[in-house]
C-alpha atoms as a PDB file:
ATOM      1  CA  MET A   1     -46.135 -20.540  18.332  1.00  0.00           C
ATOM      2  CA  ASN A   2     -42.359 -20.763  17.997  1.00  0.00           C
ATOM      3  CA  LYS A   3     -40.205 -23.615  16.754  1.00  0.00           C
ATOM      4  CA  ASP A   4     -39.387 -24.900  20.250  1.00  0.00           C
ATOM      5  CA  GLN A   5     -43.059 -25.181  21.118  1.00  0.00           C
ATOM      6  CA  VAL A   6     -43.799 -27.107  17.920  1.00  0.00           C
ATOM      7  CA  ALA A   7     -40.744 -29.344  18.149  1.00  0.00           C
ATOM      8  CA  GLY A   8     -41.529 -30.050  21.807  1.00  0.00           C
ATOM      9  CA  LYS A   9     -45.068 -31.122  20.986  1.00  0.00           C
ATOM     10  CA  VAL A  10     -43.787 -33.386  18.199  1.00  0.00           C
ATOM     11  CA  LYS A  11     -41.204 -35.006  20.511  1.00  0.00           C
ATOM     12  CA  GLN A  12     -43.886 -35.610  23.109  1.00  0.00           C
ATOM     13  CA  ALA A  13     -46.177 -37.257  20.563  1.00  0.00           C
ATOM     14  CA  VAL A  14     -43.373 -39.440  19.223  1.00  0.00           C
ATOM     15  CA  GLY A  15     -42.427 -40.363  22.772  1.00  0.00           C
ATOM     16  CA  LYS A  16     -45.995 -41.382  23.602  1.00  0.00           C
ATOM     17  CA  VAL A  17     -46.111 -43.608  20.532  1.00  0.00           C
ATOM     18  CA  GLU A  18     -42.720 -45.153  21.363  1.00  0.00           C
ATOM     19  CA  ARG A  19     -43.808 -45.796  24.938  1.00  0.00           C
ATOM     20  CA  SER A  20     -47.119 -47.318  23.875  1.00  0.00           C
ATOM     21  CA  VAL A  21     -45.525 -49.540  21.239  1.00  0.00           C
ATOM     22  CA  GLY A  22     -42.751 -50.555  23.636  1.00  0.00           C
ATOM     23  CA  GLU A  23     -45.237 -51.437  26.342  1.00  0.00           C
ATOM     24  CA  GLY A  24     -47.465 -53.218  23.815  1.00  0.00           C
ATOM     25  CA  VAL A  25     -44.723 -55.480  22.494  1.00  0.00           C
ATOM     26  CA  GLY A  26     -42.930 -55.887  25.822  1.00  0.00           C
ATOM     27  CA  ASN A  27     -39.863 -53.863  24.777  1.00  0.00           C
ATOM     28  CA  GLU A  28     -38.854 -51.985  27.914  1.00  0.00           C
ATOM     29  CA  LYS A  29     -35.987 -50.225  26.164  1.00  0.00           C
ATOM     30  CA  LEU A  30     -38.363 -48.706  23.591  1.00  0.00           C
ATOM     31  CA  ALA A  31     -40.888 -47.818  26.304  1.00  0.00           C
ATOM     32  CA  ASP A  32     -38.144 -46.100  28.337  1.00  0.00           C
ATOM     33  CA  LYS A  33     -36.932 -44.253  25.243  1.00  0.00           C
ATOM     34  CA  GLY A  34     -40.501 -43.046  24.718  1.00  0.00           C
ATOM     35  CA  VAL A  35     -40.694 -41.637  28.235  1.00  0.00           C
ATOM     36  CA  VAL A  36     -37.340 -39.904  27.749  1.00  0.00           C
ATOM     37  CA  ASN A  37     -38.550 -38.357  24.500  1.00  0.00           C
ATOM     38  CA  GLN A  38     -41.794 -37.242  26.140  1.00  0.00           C
ATOM     39  CA  THR A  39     -39.767 -35.552  28.855  1.00  0.00           C
ATOM     40  CA  LYS A  40     -37.416 -33.890  26.370  1.00  0.00           C
ATOM     41  CA  GLY A  41     -40.411 -32.670  24.402  1.00  0.00           C
ATOM     42  CA  ALA A  42     -42.103 -31.262  27.481  1.00  0.00           C
ATOM     43  CA  VAL A  43     -38.932 -29.411  28.439  1.00  0.00           C
ATOM     44  CA  GLN A  44     -38.489 -28.023  24.927  1.00  0.00           C
ATOM     45  CA  GLU A  45     -42.130 -26.919  24.741  1.00  0.00           C
ATOM     46  CA  THR A  46     -41.819 -25.236  28.144  1.00  0.00           C
ATOM     47  CA  TRP A  47     -38.670 -23.450  26.957  1.00  0.00           C
ATOM     48  CA  GLY A  48     -40.598 -22.270  23.909  1.00  0.00           C
ATOM     49  CA  ASN A  49     -43.425 -21.040  26.141  1.00  0.00           C
ATOM     50  CA  ALA A  50     -40.935 -19.091  28.262  1.00  0.00           C
ATOM     51  CA  LYS A  51     -39.338 -17.522  25.173  1.00  0.00           C
ATOM     52  CA  ASP A  52     -42.776 -16.615  23.829  1.00  0.00           C
ATOM     53  CA  ALA A  53     -43.740 -14.985  27.130  1.00  0.00           C
ATOM     54  CA  ALA A  54     -40.471 -13.032  27.248  1.00  0.00           C
ATOM     55  CA  ASN A  55     -41.051 -11.783  23.700  1.00  0.00           C
ATOM     56  CA  GLN A  56     -44.591 -10.708  24.563  1.00  0.00           C
ATOM     57  CA  ILE A  57     -43.367  -8.797  27.626  1.00  0.00           C
ATOM     58  CA  GLN A  58     -40.593  -7.164  25.604  1.00  0.00           C
ATOM     59  CA  GLU A  59     -43.095  -6.074  22.944  1.00  0.00           C
ATOM     60  CA  SER A  60     -45.426  -4.726  25.618  1.00  0.00           C
ATOM     61  CA  HIS A  61     -42.581  -2.694  27.137  1.00  0.00           C
ATOM     62  CA  LYS A  62     -41.638  -1.321  23.708  1.00  0.00           C
ATOM     63  CA  GLU A  63     -45.225  -0.231  23.105  1.00  0.00           C
ATOM     64  CA  ALA A  64     -45.464   1.391  26.542  1.00  0.00           C
ATOM     65  CA  ALA A  65     -42.190   3.262  25.997  1.00  0.00           C
ATOM     66  CA  SER A  66     -43.351   4.439  22.585  1.00  0.00           C
ATOM     67  CA  GLU A  67     -46.649   5.676  24.007  1.00  0.00           C
ATOM     68  CA  LYS A  68     -44.844   7.467  26.833  1.00  0.00           C
ATOM     69  CA  ALA A  69     -42.490   9.159  24.352  1.00  0.00           C
ATOM     70  CA  ALA A  70     -45.458  10.280  22.240  1.00  0.00           C
ATOM     71  CA  ARG A  71     -47.166  11.788  25.305  1.00  0.00           C
ATOM     72  CA  LYS A  72     -43.946  13.566  26.276  1.00  0.00           C
ATOM     73  CA  ARG A  73     -43.522  15.002  22.768  1.00  0.00           C
ATOM     74  CA  GLU A  74     -47.101  16.238  22.836  1.00  0.00           C
ATOM     75  CA  SER A  75     -46.538  17.833  26.238  1.00  0.00           C
ATOM     76  CA  VAL A  76     -43.368  19.618  25.085  1.00  0.00           C
ATOM     77  CA  SER A  77     -45.080  20.762  21.898  1.00  0.00           C
ATOM     78  CA  GLN A  78     -48.017  22.120  23.895  1.00  0.00           C
ATOM     79  CA  SER A  79     -45.628  23.964  26.240  1.00  0.00           C
ATOM     80  CA  VAL A  80     -43.910  25.555  23.248  1.00  0.00           C
ATOM     81  CA  ASP A  81     -47.271  26.651  21.827  1.00  0.00           C
ATOM     82  CA  ASP A  82     -48.390  28.036  25.204  1.00  0.00           C
ATOM     83  CA  THR A  83     -45.134  29.948  25.680  1.00  0.00           C
ATOM     84  CA  LYS A  84     -45.338  31.345  22.157  1.00  0.00           C
ATOM     85  CA  GLU A  85     -48.912  32.525  22.777  1.00  0.00           C
ATOM     86  CA  LYS A  86     -47.935  34.171  26.104  1.00  0.00           C
ATOM     87  CA  ALA A  87     -45.039  35.946  24.411  1.00  0.00           C
ATOM     88  CA  LYS A  88     -47.345  37.142  21.645  1.00  0.00           C
ATOM     89  CA  VAL A  89     -49.764  38.604  24.210  1.00  0.00           C
ATOM     90  CA  LYS A  90     -46.935  40.333  26.084  1.00  0.00           C
ATOM     91  CA  ILE A  91     -45.579  41.806  22.841  1.00  0.00           C
ATOM     92  CA  GLU A  92     -49.027  43.134  21.928  1.00  0.00           C
ATOM     93  CA  GLU A  93     -49.433  44.640  25.420  1.00  0.00           C
ATOM     94  CA  PHE A  94     -45.988  46.262  25.138  1.00  0.00           C
ATOM     95  CA  LYS A  95     -46.815  47.727  21.713  1.00  0.00           C
ATOM     96  CA  GLU A  96     -50.121  49.113  22.991  1.00  0.00           C
ATOM     97  CA  ARG A  97     -48.429  50.835  25.961  1.00  0.00           C
ATOM     98  CA  HIS A  98     -45.706  52.399  23.844  1.00  0.00           C
ATOM     99  CA  THR A  99     -47.658  53.537  20.805  1.00  0.00           C
ATOM    100  CA  ALA A 100     -50.321  56.078  21.150  1.00  0.00           C
END
């Protein structure tokens, strides 16, 4: 949970209290302020949720790219080993044909 999510939840709670108190004592200005704060809190929490989702997607993409790079390195390494082994066989065949 990031700071915007937490702050948004706090603003919403404060706004609910302000609205309830305002309505309870007949203070429309306080009740309206409470609704405004609830709205601001909901917006801030939603912003925090969006940022959190974006960070999760970014991390997922980083992990996928890292895994892809590791597979590519392994593939190149295997190709090098295969080529080296083929060359070794060819060299041995050449030596056998030319020494006897």
